[in-house]
């Protein structure tokens, strides 16, 4: 059945690929982002900001005027920053939380009345980093962990209204997110500099050889189709296995492994 879908963060990366993919599958897709996609888009883009309530309200009103319903919201908009906790400026911390977490909360808050009418779905894009926090990506990891906790709580709140809430946890994915990550330029000091460089090199190498955003798009499509979708959906066998094993291993041991890889 054709769905009316709103996806945030569709100018590039997972959001762009998912919007094009779902449009090809016959759905009516609206992208919501601060700029138009550079590549050819099959969907309509609404320019806006997930941190601005008026901007979100205007986008939702436009969709309702055009389609008279909203079936699915996919919260994908996000950004990344790298650097030590000690030297990351408050302005940077606030920015990443505003976009990655509060933006999700606002879009959900304002979409719920429409989704209640359609008994629709909310799909939030989290990250394996929310389950396995990565050094020098501390604030990105923290935003994704908060979105995961929020999604689970929201799922319980909306259960009586038959609104399904899921969070998707991709691992390393080959997108423009890698080159767009904001690097903390103060990390040229002797305290963390070399470790941050090595950590980023490892991460960027993993992302460049990571899964295709098409894999994430297919998971999103599956969640849309399912009557009772999973509350948490990890993408990729490798990451499913890692998160499964994490449940049975001591936290200190898991953190040590992450330290050896990225610390």
Protein backbone atom coordinates (compact mmCIF):
# COMPACT_ATOMS: atom_id res chain seq x y z
CA UNK A 1 0.00 0.00 0.00
CA UNK A 2 1.26 3.45 -0.93
CA UNK A 3 2.37 5.53 2.06
CA UNK A 4 2.93 9.25 2.52
CA UNK A 5 6.39 9.56 4.06
CA UNK A 6 8.40 12.43 5.52
CA UNK A 7 12.17 11.91 5.74
CA UNK A 8 14.50 14.44 7.34
CA UNK A 9 18.09 15.00 6.25
CA UNK A 10 17.59 14.12 2.58
CA UNK A 11 20.18 16.33 0.90
CA UNK A 12 22.70 13.46 0.89
CA UNK A 13 23.67 10.14 2.46
CA UNK A 14 21.21 7.67 3.94
CA UNK A 15 18.33 10.15 3.84
CA UNK A 16 18.75 10.88 0.14
CA UNK A 17 19.15 7.23 -0.81
CA UNK A 18 16.16 6.16 1.32
CA UNK A 19 13.94 8.89 -0.14
CA UNK A 20 14.80 7.93 -3.73
CA UNK A 21 14.49 4.21 -2.96
CA UNK A 22 11.06 4.52 -1.33
CA UNK A 23 9.83 6.77 -4.15
CA UNK A 24 10.84 4.08 -6.66
CA UNK A 25 8.83 1.61 -4.56
CA UNK A 26 5.70 3.67 -5.21
CA UNK A 27 5.46 5.76 -2.05
CA UNK A 28 4.89 9.51 -1.87
CA UNK A 29 8.02 10.88 -0.24
CA UNK A 30 8.79 14.37 1.02
CA UNK A 31 12.34 15.23 1.95
CA UNK A 32 13.03 17.83 4.63
CA UNK A 33 16.49 19.37 4.71
CA UNK A 34 18.39 22.64 4.87
CA UNK A 35 19.48 22.40 1.22
CA UNK A 36 18.44 20.69 -1.97
CA UNK A 37 20.16 17.43 -2.98
CA UNK A 38 23.09 17.82 -5.35
CA UNK A 39 22.18 14.59 -7.12
CA UNK A 40 18.95 13.91 -9.01
CA UNK A 41 16.07 13.49 -6.58
CA UNK A 42 12.87 11.62 -7.39
CA UNK A 43 11.09 13.13 -4.39
CA UNK A 44 9.94 16.62 -3.44
CA UNK A 45 12.22 18.54 -1.09
CA UNK A 46 10.89 20.95 1.52
CA UNK A 47 13.61 23.31 2.72
CA UNK A 48 13.64 23.61 6.49
CA UNK A 49 15.42 23.07 9.79
CA UNK A 50 14.70 20.27 12.27
CA UNK A 51 15.67 22.56 15.14
CA UNK A 52 13.00 25.14 14.26
CA UNK A 53 9.40 24.43 15.29
CA UNK A 54 7.84 26.85 12.80
CA UNK A 55 9.85 25.28 9.98
CA UNK A 56 8.66 21.79 10.92
CA UNK A 57 5.04 22.93 11.29
CA UNK A 58 5.12 24.53 7.84
CA UNK A 59 6.47 21.32 6.28
CA UNK A 60 3.79 19.20 7.95
CA UNK A 61 1.06 21.61 6.89
CA UNK A 62 2.26 21.49 3.29
CA UNK A 63 2.17 17.68 3.29
CA UNK A 64 -1.33 17.66 4.79
CA UNK A 65 -2.55 20.21 2.24
CA UNK A 66 -1.18 18.12 -0.62
CA UNK A 67 -1.90 14.60 0.61
CA UNK A 68 -4.44 14.92 3.48
CA UNK A 69 -2.50 12.37 5.51
CA UNK A 70 0.91 11.41 6.87
CA UNK A 71 1.75 7.74 7.36
CA UNK A 72 5.45 7.54 8.18
CA UNK A 73 8.10 9.85 9.62
CA UNK A 74 11.78 8.92 9.25
CA UNK A 75 14.09 11.02 11.42
CA UNK A 76 17.45 10.85 9.72
CA UNK A 77 18.92 14.38 9.91
CA UNK A 78 22.22 14.40 11.72
CA UNK A 79 25.81 15.60 11.91
CA UNK A 80 29.09 14.37 13.33
CA UNK A 81 31.95 16.01 15.19
CA UNK A 82 35.26 14.57 16.30
CA UNK A 83 37.48 15.61 19.16
CA UNK A 84 38.18 15.01 22.81
CA UNK A 85 35.53 15.73 25.44
CA UNK A 86 37.98 18.08 27.13
CA UNK A 87 38.52 20.33 24.13
CA UNK A 88 35.11 20.31 22.44
CA UNK A 89 33.52 23.75 22.75
CA UNK A 90 30.07 24.15 24.30
CA UNK A 91 28.77 25.66 21.06
CA UNK A 92 29.71 22.47 19.19
CA UNK A 93 28.12 20.27 21.85
CA UNK A 94 24.88 22.24 21.74
CA UNK A 95 24.82 22.15 17.95
CA UNK A 96 25.15 18.39 17.65
CA UNK A 97 22.54 17.76 20.36
CA UNK A 98 20.16 20.26 18.74
CA UNK A 99 20.36 18.54 15.36
CA UNK A 100 20.84 14.88 16.27
CA UNK A 101 18.58 14.63 19.32
CA UNK A 102 16.35 17.65 19.93
CA UNK A 103 15.56 17.79 16.21
CA UNK A 104 14.24 14.23 16.44
CA UNK A 105 12.20 15.08 19.53
CA UNK A 106 10.64 18.14 17.83
CA UNK A 107 9.75 16.38 14.58
CA UNK A 108 8.15 13.52 16.53
CA UNK A 109 6.27 15.89 18.86
CA UNK A 110 4.76 17.86 15.97
CA UNK A 111 4.05 14.80 13.79
CA UNK A 112 2.26 12.70 16.40
CA UNK A 113 -1.22 14.28 15.92
CA UNK A 114 -1.11 13.42 12.20
CA UNK A 115 0.27 9.94 12.80
CA UNK A 116 -2.42 9.27 15.40
CA UNK A 117 -5.03 9.84 12.69
CA UNK A 118 -3.32 7.41 10.30
CA UNK A 119 -2.06 4.98 12.98
CA UNK A 120 1.30 5.52 11.37
CA UNK A 121 4.95 4.82 12.07
CA UNK A 122 7.99 6.69 13.37
CA UNK A 123 11.40 5.38 12.31
CA UNK A 124 14.38 7.06 13.95
CA UNK A 125 17.87 6.55 12.56
CA UNK A 126 20.26 5.88 15.42
CA UNK A 127 23.69 4.28 15.27
CA UNK A 128 25.65 1.34 16.59
CA UNK A 129 27.69 4.09 18.28
CA UNK A 130 24.72 4.64 20.58
CA UNK A 131 25.19 1.08 21.84
CA UNK A 132 28.99 1.09 21.67
CA UNK A 133 30.20 4.64 22.40
CA UNK A 134 33.35 5.57 20.53
CA UNK A 135 36.19 7.69 21.96
CA UNK A 136 36.68 11.04 20.25
CA UNK A 137 33.13 10.62 18.93
CA UNK A 138 31.72 10.97 22.43
CA UNK A 139 29.06 13.57 21.74
CA UNK A 140 27.87 11.88 18.54
CA UNK A 141 27.60 8.62 20.48
CA UNK A 142 25.72 10.40 23.28
CA UNK A 143 23.17 11.90 20.89
CA UNK A 144 22.46 8.52 19.34
CA UNK A 145 22.14 6.85 22.74
CA UNK A 146 19.64 9.51 23.78
CA UNK A 147 17.59 8.98 20.61
CA UNK A 148 17.52 5.24 21.30
CA UNK A 149 16.28 5.75 24.87
CA UNK A 150 13.73 8.29 23.66
CA UNK A 151 12.46 5.96 20.93
CA UNK A 152 11.84 3.11 23.37
CA UNK A 153 10.01 5.39 25.81
CA UNK A 154 7.99 6.99 23.00
CA UNK A 155 7.01 3.55 21.72
CA UNK A 156 5.36 2.78 25.05
CA UNK A 157 3.61 6.15 25.20
CA UNK A 158 2.14 5.78 21.71
CA UNK A 159 1.21 2.10 21.92
CA UNK A 160 -2.47 2.77 22.82
CA UNK A 161 -2.77 4.87 19.64
CA UNK A 162 -1.31 2.10 17.47
CA UNK A 163 1.60 4.31 16.37
CA UNK A 164 4.66 2.09 15.94
CA UNK A 165 8.09 3.48 16.83
CA UNK A 166 11.34 1.87 15.67
CA UNK A 167 14.98 2.85 15.80
CA UNK A 168 17.42 1.69 13.12
CA UNK A 169 21.06 1.16 14.10
CA UNK A 170 23.41 1.28 11.10
CA UNK A 171 27.09 0.60 11.53
CA UNK A 172 29.80 2.00 9.27
CA UNK A 173 28.09 3.24 6.11
CA UNK A 174 29.71 4.59 2.96
CA UNK A 175 28.22 8.09 2.57
CA UNK A 176 29.25 11.74 2.45
CA UNK A 177 28.80 11.80 6.25
CA UNK A 178 32.50 10.90 6.50
CA UNK A 179 33.81 13.98 4.68
CA UNK A 180 31.18 16.23 6.31
CA UNK A 181 32.20 15.31 9.86
CA UNK A 182 33.35 18.43 11.71
CA UNK A 183 36.85 18.01 13.07
CA UNK A 184 37.88 19.86 16.20
CA UNK A 185 40.79 21.99 15.01
CA UNK A 186 42.14 22.48 18.55
CA UNK A 187 43.30 18.86 18.59
CA UNK A 188 46.81 19.75 17.45
CA UNK A 189 48.13 19.63 21.01
CA UNK A 190 50.31 16.93 22.51
CA UNK A 191 47.59 15.60 24.84
CA UNK A 192 45.25 13.93 22.32
CA UNK A 193 46.36 14.94 18.84
CA UNK A 194 48.06 11.74 17.66
CA UNK A 195 45.40 9.47 19.19
CA UNK A 196 42.60 11.44 17.55
CA UNK A 197 44.30 11.25 14.17
CA UNK A 198 44.69 7.47 14.44
CA UNK A 199 41.12 7.05 15.70
CA UNK A 200 39.71 9.08 12.81
CA UNK A 201 41.83 7.26 10.25
CA UNK A 202 40.50 3.94 11.52
CA UNK A 203 36.91 5.18 11.51
CA UNK A 204 37.10 6.78 8.08
CA UNK A 205 38.66 3.64 6.62
CA UNK A 206 35.83 1.53 8.09
CA UNK A 207 33.20 3.94 6.74
CA UNK A 208 34.72 4.09 3.27
CA UNK A 209 34.56 0.29 3.07
CA UNK A 210 31.26 0.13 4.94
CA UNK A 211 27.79 -0.95 3.93
CA UNK A 212 25.81 0.78 1.22
CA UNK A 213 23.05 3.19 2.27
CA UNK A 214 20.81 0.96 0.16
CA UNK A 215 21.08 -1.65 2.93
CA UNK A 216 19.65 0.86 5.40
CA UNK A 217 16.95 1.88 2.91
CA UNK A 218 15.80 -1.73 2.61
CA UNK A 219 15.56 -2.05 6.39
CA UNK A 220 13.45 1.12 6.52
CA UNK A 221 11.17 -0.27 3.81
CA UNK A 222 10.77 -3.52 5.72
CA UNK A 223 9.80 -1.67 8.91
CA UNK A 224 7.24 0.35 6.96
CA UNK A 225 5.66 -2.83 5.58
CA UNK A 226 5.54 -4.77 8.84
CA UNK A 227 2.39 -4.67 10.95
CA UNK A 228 4.43 -5.01 14.15
CA UNK A 229 7.95 -3.80 13.36
CA UNK A 230 10.89 -4.34 15.69
CA UNK A 231 11.53 -1.62 18.26
CA UNK A 232 15.28 -1.81 17.53
CA UNK A 233 16.67 -2.94 14.19
CA UNK A 234 20.42 -3.27 13.72
CA UNK A 235 21.64 -3.25 10.11
CA UNK A 236 24.14 -5.89 9.03
CA UNK A 237 25.04 -9.32 10.41
CA UNK A 238 28.41 -8.09 11.71
CA UNK A 239 26.82 -5.42 13.89
CA UNK A 240 23.94 -7.63 14.99
CA UNK A 241 26.52 -10.15 16.24
CA UNK A 242 28.58 -7.50 18.05
CA UNK A 243 25.57 -6.03 19.85
CA UNK A 244 24.29 -9.50 20.73
CA UNK A 245 27.64 -10.49 22.26
CA UNK A 246 27.83 -7.17 24.12
CA UNK A 247 24.90 -8.26 26.27
CA UNK A 248 26.91 -11.13 27.73
CA UNK A 249 30.34 -9.53 28.06
CA UNK A 250 31.56 -7.36 30.96
CA UNK A 251 31.31 -3.63 30.24
CA UNK A 252 34.98 -3.17 31.13
CA UNK A 253 36.00 -5.79 28.55
CA UNK A 254 33.83 -4.27 25.80
CA UNK A 255 35.16 -0.79 26.56
CA UNK A 256 38.73 -2.11 26.47
CA UNK A 257 38.17 -3.56 22.99
CA UNK A 258 36.79 -0.24 21.78
CA UNK A 259 39.75 1.54 23.35
CA UNK A 260 42.18 -0.73 21.49
CA UNK A 261 40.37 -0.07 18.21
CA UNK A 262 39.70 3.66 18.49
CA UNK A 263 41.33 5.02 21.67
